Amino acid sequence: MRKLALVLLAAGLAACLGACNSSPKSSNSQPVAQTPLQQDTSPYRIYASDERGNDMSVIGSDGFNVLATVPLGRRPRGIHASPDGKFIYVALSGSPIAGPGVDESKLPPPNHGLDGIAVYDVEQNKVVRTIQGGDNPEQFAVSPDGKRLYVSNEDASDIAIVDIASGNVIQTVKMGAEPEGVEFTPNGQQVWFTSEESSKITVFDPATNKVVTVFNVGHRPRNIVFTPDGSRAYIPAENDGTVLEVNAKTYKVMKTMTLGKAGVIKPMDVIMSPDGSKLYVSTGHGRLVFTVDTKTNKVLSSVEVGARPWGIALSPDGATLFSANGPSNDVSVVDLATNSVIKTVPAGQGPWGVVVVPRS
């Protein structure tokens, strides 16, 4: 019996070691393989996180083709680059995907051991480490000096301040329910956070690590963008079909812009043109990206890009827009001069976020 037990124990250890050293798995349990990075002459590259495929697509701007697929970890979503463009950080989550109308009580429990922030080295084309980020990190911002991450954690309803060098959470601060969007003011003196469930914005001072103020906005705010001079902020209210213009000094809503019928048009991400003259808004199930004149706050145009466009980003010159379309499994390339999709790039099983990084 003892000999048999030892044999069984050895077999069990071998199986465990094999499982522990296996490749990351995608949502359909197929291994996620890294593809070699193809050499190209692109002046910049586009990186798209793949929430269901557990990887990231690297897309070259010279022809807009996928150059590599990089495994990251479980459920990658929020994605941002370091100020020097040498690293890309991606939020990972062990919490199950729960879309609108899903009964979360019937979902499996979260595995917070899979939570973290993947650190991808651009030159090496691989994840070099995974650092802490709190429970179920979704979005975050990188401090202007590149030393810290400010991470929103849905499950814990807090933000985690992460020291990048050590990889440790150095402080957590309670927020409203379901924090998501995170954005620094252009001068770096404040960080703003959205709270989806409580419909509030929290303004945080990173120098004192204290909350400056909290104010109400529309229902289910998702993200934030500031004008280049920092005087105004634009905040999408997903459940209202609107975008709010906010005075960034007085924290008062100046204007509410209706983009379409609530529940049909669902504003998600907002980004600004380099000169601050135009605001771009993705609309989730609305399938559109809107262009808004920030001087008049009037809609100039819209373009249909794909199913449920979420994250959006601009080329360095502001001439081209990229949208991550989850259910379409692709990234749309939009020529803003003609307001038309000029290419659709396959990008995994559920692209969520997108970031553009110039090449040195």
Protein backbone atom coordinates (compact mmCIF):
# COMPACT_ATOMS: atom_id res chain seq x y z
CA MET A 1 0.00 0.00 0.00
CA ARG A 2 2.83 2.35 0.89
CA LYS A 3 4.51 1.72 -2.49
CA LEU A 4 1.23 2.33 -4.30
CA ALA A 5 0.70 5.54 -2.38
CA LEU A 6 4.15 6.78 -3.34
CA VAL A 7 3.46 6.02 -7.01
CA LEU A 8 0.18 7.91 -6.88
CA LEU A 9 1.82 10.84 -5.11
CA ALA A 10 4.56 11.03 -7.75
CA ALA A 11 1.97 10.94 -10.52
CA GLY A 12 -0.01 13.70 -8.85
CA LEU A 13 3.09 15.89 -8.49
CA ALA A 14 3.96 15.38 -12.15
CA ALA A 15 0.45 16.37 -13.21
CA CYS A 16 0.57 19.46 -10.99
CA LEU A 17 3.95 20.52 -12.37
CA GLY A 18 2.68 20.07 -15.92
CA ALA A 19 -0.37 22.20 -15.20
CA CYS A 20 1.64 24.89 -13.43
CA ASN A 21 4.05 25.22 -16.34
CA SER A 22 1.45 25.13 -19.10
CA SER A 23 0.78 28.05 -21.41
CA PRO A 24 -1.91 30.60 -20.50
CA LYS A 25 -5.36 29.45 -21.54
CA SER A 26 -7.91 31.40 -23.50
CA SER A 27 -11.61 31.50 -22.65
CA ASN A 28 -12.24 28.44 -24.81
CA SER A 29 -9.42 26.48 -23.08
CA GLN A 30 -7.18 26.49 -26.12
CA PRO A 31 -3.50 27.33 -25.51
CA VAL A 32 -2.51 30.92 -26.29
CA ALA A 33 0.73 30.84 -28.28
CA GLN A 34 3.07 33.79 -28.69
CA THR A 35 3.92 34.59 -32.28
CA PRO A 36 7.31 36.06 -33.20
CA LEU A 37 7.37 39.79 -33.80
CA GLN A 38 7.56 40.51 -37.52
CA GLN A 39 9.99 43.25 -38.46
CA ASP A 40 8.47 46.33 -40.06
CA THR A 41 9.14 49.98 -40.77
CA SER A 42 6.07 51.32 -38.97
CA PRO A 43 6.51 54.78 -37.41
CA TYR A 44 4.20 53.67 -34.59
CA ARG A 45 2.47 50.52 -33.39
CA ILE A 46 -1.00 49.80 -32.07
CA TYR A 47 -1.51 47.44 -29.12
CA ALA A 48 -4.93 45.92 -28.41
CA SER A 49 -5.80 43.99 -25.25
CA ASP A 50 -7.96 40.89 -25.79
CA GLU A 51 -10.32 40.30 -22.87
CA ARG A 52 -11.50 36.84 -23.91
CA GLY A 53 -8.35 35.62 -25.63
CA ASN A 54 -6.04 36.54 -22.71
CA ASP A 55 -3.50 38.10 -25.05
CA MET A 56 -2.53 41.28 -26.90
CA SER A 57 -2.29 42.01 -30.61
CA VAL A 58 0.63 44.08 -31.87
CA ILE A 59 -0.35 45.94 -35.05
CA GLY A 60 2.03 47.82 -37.30
CA SER A 61 0.99 51.19 -38.71
CA ASP A 62 2.67 50.41 -42.04
CA GLY A 63 -0.24 48.56 -43.66
CA PHE A 64 -2.06 47.88 -40.38
CA ASN A 65 -1.26 44.18 -40.07
CA VAL A 66 -0.85 42.08 -36.92
CA LEU A 67 2.88 41.71 -36.24
CA ALA A 68 2.63 39.49 -33.15
CA THR A 69 0.27 38.01 -30.59
CA VAL A 70 1.49 38.09 -26.99
CA PRO A 71 -0.06 36.08 -24.11
CA LEU A 72 -0.64 38.29 -21.07
CA GLY A 73 -2.72 36.53 -18.42
CA ARG A 74 -6.39 36.31 -17.53
CA ARG A 75 -8.87 38.81 -18.91
CA PRO A 76 -6.71 41.77 -20.03
CA ARG A 77 -8.59 45.06 -20.26
CA GLY A 78 -7.19 48.51 -19.42
CA ILE A 79 -4.00 49.22 -21.37
CA HIS A 80 -1.57 52.17 -21.18
CA ALA A 81 2.05 52.90 -22.06
CA SER A 82 4.80 54.28 -19.88
CA PRO A 83 5.66 57.94 -20.61
CA ASP A 84 8.86 56.90 -22.40
CA GLY A 85 7.04 54.25 -24.49
CA LYS A 86 9.34 51.44 -23.34
CA PHE A 87 6.69 49.49 -21.44
CA ILE A 88 3.00 48.75 -21.82
CA TYR A 89 0.92 48.00 -18.74
CA VAL A 90 -2.23 45.89 -19.00
CA ALA A 91 -4.80 45.23 -16.24
CA LEU A 92 -5.52 41.52 -15.64
CA SER A 93 -8.49 40.10 -13.75
CA GLY A 94 -9.50 36.73 -12.34
CA SER A 95 -13.13 37.83 -12.01
CA PRO A 96 -15.58 36.27 -14.49
CA ILE A 97 -16.96 38.35 -17.33
CA ALA A 98 -20.38 39.75 -16.43
CA GLY A 99 -22.07 41.73 -19.18
CA PRO A 100 -25.30 43.71 -18.94
CA GLY A 101 -28.21 41.64 -17.62
CA VAL A 102 -26.01 38.83 -16.29
CA ASP A 103 -27.00 37.42 -12.88
CA GLU A 104 -23.64 37.68 -11.12
CA SER A 105 -24.81 35.40 -8.29
CA LYS A 106 -24.72 32.52 -10.77
CA LEU A 107 -21.16 33.18 -11.90
CA PRO A 108 -18.14 31.35 -10.48
CA PRO A 109 -16.31 33.19 -7.67
CA PRO A 110 -13.44 35.50 -8.61
CA ASN A 111 -9.90 34.18 -8.48
CA HIS A 112 -7.96 37.18 -7.23
CA GLY A 113 -4.74 35.23 -7.54
CA LEU A 114 -4.99 35.99 -11.27
CA ASP A 115 -5.40 39.75 -10.74
CA GLY A 116 -2.51 42.08 -11.51
CA ILE A 117 -0.87 44.42 -13.98
CA ALA A 118 1.16 42.79 -16.76
CA VAL A 119 4.35 44.66 -17.65
CA TYR A 120 5.21 44.21 -21.33
CA ASP A 121 8.65 45.20 -22.57
CA VAL A 122 8.24 46.75 -26.04
CA GLU A 123 11.78 46.00 -27.21
CA GLN A 124 11.77 42.38 -25.97
CA ASN A 125 8.17 41.78 -27.13
CA LYS A 126 7.24 39.90 -23.99
CA VAL A 127 5.76 40.25 -20.53
CA VAL A 128 8.69 40.63 -18.15
CA ARG A 129 6.70 40.58 -14.90
CA THR A 130 3.25 40.96 -13.38
CA ILE A 131 2.82 43.37 -10.48
CA GLN A 132 0.07 43.93 -7.94
CA GLY A 133 -2.97 45.99 -8.82
CA GLY A 134 -5.67 45.22 -6.27
CA ASP A 135 -8.86 43.16 -6.62
CA ASN A 136 -10.25 42.99 -10.16
CA PRO A 137 -8.33 45.90 -11.73
CA GLU A 138 -10.04 47.29 -14.82
CA GLN A 139 -8.64 50.70 -15.65
CA PHE A 140 -5.73 52.79 -14.44
CA ALA A 141 -3.51 55.76 -15.19
CA VAL A 142 0.27 56.08 -15.22
CA SER A 143 1.69 59.01 -13.28
CA PRO A 144 3.43 61.63 -15.46
CA ASP A 145 6.82 60.69 -13.99
CA GLY A 146 6.21 57.03 -14.82
CA LYS A 147 6.75 55.86 -11.24
CA ARG A 148 3.25 54.94 -10.11
CA LEU A 149 -0.01 53.45 -11.32
CA TYR A 150 -3.40 54.56 -10.03
CA VAL A 151 -5.66 51.54 -10.47
CA SER A 152 -9.45 51.27 -10.18
CA ASN A 153 -10.64 48.01 -8.61
CA GLU A 154 -14.25 47.05 -9.22
CA ASP A 155 -14.63 44.27 -6.66
CA ALA A 156 -13.04 46.21 -3.79
CA SER A 157 -14.59 49.59 -4.71
CA ASP A 158 -11.23 51.27 -4.17
CA ILE A 159 -8.17 52.55 -5.97
CA ALA A 160 -4.75 51.04 -5.53
CA ILE A 161 -1.65 53.21 -5.74
CA VAL A 162 1.11 50.99 -7.10
CA ASP A 163 4.84 51.65 -6.96
CA ILE A 164 6.06 50.33 -10.31
CA ALA A 165 9.69 49.76 -9.28
CA SER A 166 8.82 47.51 -6.33
CA GLY A 167 5.61 46.18 -7.86
CA ASN A 168 3.75 46.73 -4.59
CA VAL A 169 0.50 48.45 -3.66
CA ILE A 170 1.58 51.26 -1.33
CA GLN A 171 -1.89 52.61 -0.53
CA THR A 172 -5.56 51.94 -1.17
CA VAL A 173 -8.30 54.57 -1.07
CA LYS A 174 -12.02 53.83 -0.92
CA MET A 175 -14.09 55.05 -3.85
CA GLY A 176 -17.71 54.87 -4.90
CA ALA A 177 -19.12 51.56 -6.12
CA GLU A 178 -17.55 50.11 -9.29
CA PRO A 179 -14.73 52.57 -9.96
CA GLU A 180 -13.53 52.48 -13.56
CA GLY A 181 -12.17 55.46 -15.48
CA VAL A 182 -8.92 57.06 -14.27
CA GLU A 183 -7.28 60.16 -15.73
CA PHE A 184 -4.62 62.67 -14.68
CA THR A 185 -5.22 66.36 -15.27
CA PRO A 186 -2.78 67.74 -17.87
CA ASN A 187 -0.66 69.42 -15.15
CA GLY A 188 -0.45 66.15 -13.20
CA GLN A 189 -1.76 67.73 -10.00
CA GLN A 190 -4.99 65.71 -9.77
CA VAL A 191 -6.32 62.27 -10.66
CA TRP A 192 -10.01 61.88 -11.45
CA PHE A 193 -11.90 58.61 -11.01
CA THR A 194 -15.35 57.61 -12.25
CA SER A 195 -17.72 55.46 -10.21
CA GLU A 196 -20.13 53.58 -12.47
CA GLU A 197 -22.61 52.47 -9.83
CA SER A 198 -22.81 55.68 -7.76
CA SER A 199 -22.58 58.05 -10.77
CA LYS A 200 -19.91 60.15 -9.09
CA ILE A 201 -16.49 61.56 -9.87
CA THR A 202 -13.80 61.51 -7.20
CA VAL A 203 -11.00 64.08 -7.48
CA PHE A 204 -7.77 62.91 -5.83
CA ASP A 205 -4.58 64.82 -4.97
CA PRO A 206 -1.56 62.53 -5.60
CA ALA A 207 0.77 64.86 -3.67
CA THR A 208 -1.18 64.58 -0.40
CA ASN A 209 -2.90 61.25 -1.18
CA LYS A 210 -6.21 62.78 -0.18
CA VAL A 211 -9.60 63.18 -1.84
CA VAL A 212 -10.19 66.78 -2.93
CA THR A 213 -13.88 66.53 -3.72
CA VAL A 214 -16.64 64.24 -4.99
CA PHE A 215 -19.38 65.39 -7.35
CA ASN A 216 -22.32 63.87 -9.23
CA VAL A 217 -22.55 63.33 -12.97
CA GLY A 218 -24.81 61.33 -15.31
CA HIS A 219 -25.70 57.67 -14.91
CA ARG A 220 -22.82 55.18 -15.22
CA PRO A 221 -19.82 57.40 -16.08
CA ARG A 222 -17.15 55.36 -17.84
CA ASN A 223 -14.11 57.50 -18.56
CA ILE A 224 -12.66 61.01 -18.51
CA VAL A 225 -10.67 63.21 -20.87
CA PHE A 226 -9.42 66.78 -20.37
CA THR A 227 -8.86 69.60 -22.79
CA PRO A 228 -5.11 70.27 -23.25
CA ASP A 229 -5.26 73.39 -21.04
CA GLY A 230 -6.98 71.42 -18.28
CA SER A 231 -9.92 73.82 -18.01
CA ARG A 232 -12.61 71.34 -18.99
CA ALA A 233 -13.32 67.64 -18.70
CA TYR A 234 -15.60 65.47 -20.81
CA ILE A 235 -17.27 62.48 -19.15
CA PRO A 236 -19.54 59.93 -20.90
CA ALA A 237 -22.72 58.80 -19.14
CA GLU A 238 -23.36 55.35 -20.61
CA ASN A 239 -26.93 54.84 -19.42
CA ASP A 240 -28.07 58.32 -20.48
CA GLY A 241 -26.65 58.36 -24.00
CA THR A 242 -24.88 61.61 -23.13
CA VAL A 243 -21.49 63.24 -22.63
CA LEU A 244 -21.07 65.89 -19.94
CA GLU A 245 -18.81 68.93 -20.19
CA VAL A 246 -17.45 69.77 -16.72
CA ASN A 247 -15.61 72.85 -15.48
CA ALA A 248 -12.41 71.28 -14.14
CA LYS A 249 -11.82 74.13 -11.68
CA THR A 250 -15.27 74.45 -10.11
CA TYR A 251 -16.34 70.81 -10.67
CA LYS A 252 -19.67 71.94 -12.09
CA VAL A 253 -21.42 70.40 -15.10
CA MET A 254 -21.51 73.06 -17.81
CA LYS A 255 -23.39 71.20 -20.51
CA THR A 256 -24.93 67.81 -21.26
CA MET A 257 -24.71 66.65 -24.87
CA THR A 258 -27.16 63.99 -26.05
CA LEU A 259 -25.63 61.69 -28.65
CA GLY A 260 -28.63 59.42 -29.15
CA LYS A 261 -31.37 57.42 -27.51
CA ALA A 262 -30.45 56.16 -24.05
CA GLY A 263 -29.92 52.41 -24.08
CA VAL A 264 -29.15 52.41 -27.80
CA ILE A 265 -26.25 54.84 -27.89
CA LYS A 266 -24.04 54.02 -24.89
CA PRO A 267 -21.05 56.37 -24.62
CA MET A 268 -18.01 54.49 -23.30
CA ASP A 269 -14.57 55.92 -24.03
CA VAL A 270 -13.59 59.53 -24.75
CA ILE A 271 -10.35 60.84 -26.24
CA MET A 272 -9.21 64.27 -27.43
CA SER A 273 -7.47 65.39 -30.61
CA PRO A 274 -3.91 66.66 -30.00
CA ASP A 275 -4.99 70.28 -30.44
CA GLY A 276 -8.10 69.85 -28.29
CA SER A 277 -10.48 70.93 -31.05
CA LYS A 278 -12.29 67.60 -31.34
CA LEU A 279 -13.65 65.00 -28.95
CA TYR A 280 -14.10 61.37 -30.03
CA VAL A 281 -16.61 59.11 -28.29
CA SER A 282 -17.10 55.35 -28.63
CA THR A 283 -20.63 54.08 -28.01
CA GLY A 284 -20.53 50.36 -27.19
CA HIS A 285 -23.67 48.66 -28.47
CA GLY A 286 -24.35 51.79 -30.51
CA ARG A 287 -21.59 50.62 -32.91
CA LEU A 288 -20.58 54.23 -33.65
CA VAL A 289 -17.74 56.60 -32.91
CA PHE A 290 -18.82 60.25 -32.72
CA THR A 291 -16.76 63.34 -33.49
CA VAL A 292 -17.68 66.43 -31.44
CA ASP A 293 -16.49 70.02 -31.93
CA THR A 294 -15.23 71.09 -28.49
CA LYS A 295 -15.71 74.79 -29.27
CA THR A 296 -19.43 74.46 -29.97
CA ASN A 297 -20.06 71.04 -28.36
CA LYS A 298 -21.90 70.05 -31.52
CA VAL A 299 -21.69 66.62 -33.13
CA LEU A 300 -19.80 66.89 -36.41
CA SER A 301 -20.12 63.31 -37.59
CA SER A 302 -20.26 59.64 -36.68
CA VAL A 303 -18.89 56.48 -38.23
CA GLU A 304 -19.94 52.86 -37.76
CA VAL A 305 -16.91 50.80 -36.79
CA GLY A 306 -18.02 47.41 -35.44
CA ALA A 307 -19.89 45.59 -32.70
CA ARG A 308 -19.52 47.27 -29.32
CA PRO A 309 -16.58 49.63 -29.84
CA TRP A 310 -14.97 50.20 -26.45
CA GLY A 311 -11.40 51.51 -26.24
CA ILE A 312 -10.31 54.08 -28.82
CA ALA A 313 -6.97 55.75 -29.56
CA LEU A 314 -5.42 58.17 -32.04
CA SER A 315 -2.30 58.05 -34.18
CA PRO A 316 0.43 60.48 -33.05
CA ASP A 317 -0.57 62.99 -35.74
CA GLY A 318 -4.25 62.73 -34.84
CA ALA A 319 -5.22 61.75 -38.39
CA THR A 320 -6.25 58.14 -37.72
CA LEU A 321 -8.47 56.62 -35.05
CA PHE A 322 -8.44 53.01 -33.84
CA SER A 323 -11.37 51.32 -32.09
CA ALA A 324 -11.38 47.98 -30.27
CA ASN A 325 -14.60 46.16 -31.19
CA GLY A 326 -15.19 43.30 -28.73
CA PRO A 327 -17.84 41.06 -30.30
CA SER A 328 -16.45 41.80 -33.78
CA ASN A 329 -13.04 40.47 -32.68
CA ASP A 330 -11.29 43.25 -34.54
CA VAL A 331 -9.80 46.73 -34.52
CA SER A 332 -11.16 49.33 -36.92
CA VAL A 333 -8.83 51.81 -38.61
CA VAL A 334 -10.65 55.10 -39.27
CA ASP A 335 -9.36 57.82 -41.59
CA LEU A 336 -10.65 60.95 -39.84
CA ALA A 337 -10.24 63.14 -42.93
CA THR A 338 -12.88 61.11 -44.76
CA ASN A 339 -14.57 59.75 -41.61
CA SER A 340 -14.45 56.22 -43.00
CA VAL A 341 -13.13 52.81 -41.97
CA ILE A 342 -10.16 52.07 -44.23
CA LYS A 343 -9.25 48.71 -42.73
CA THR A 344 -10.52 46.13 -40.23
CA VAL A 345 -7.81 44.17 -38.43
CA PRO A 346 -8.59 40.79 -36.77
CA ALA A 347 -7.46 41.08 -33.14
CA GLY A 348 -8.22 38.02 -31.03
CA GLN A 349 -11.46 36.99 -29.35
CA GLY A 350 -12.63 40.19 -27.68
CA PRO A 351 -10.46 43.30 -28.02
CA TRP A 352 -11.14 45.69 -25.15
CA GLY A 353 -8.57 48.47 -25.03
CA VAL A 354 -6.13 50.00 -27.48
CA VAL A 355 -3.03 52.15 -27.14
CA VAL A 356 -0.72 53.72 -29.73
CA VAL A 357 3.03 53.95 -29.11
CA PRO A 358 5.45 55.84 -31.42
CA ARG A 359 8.66 54.01 -32.31
CA SER A 360 11.95 55.65 -31.46
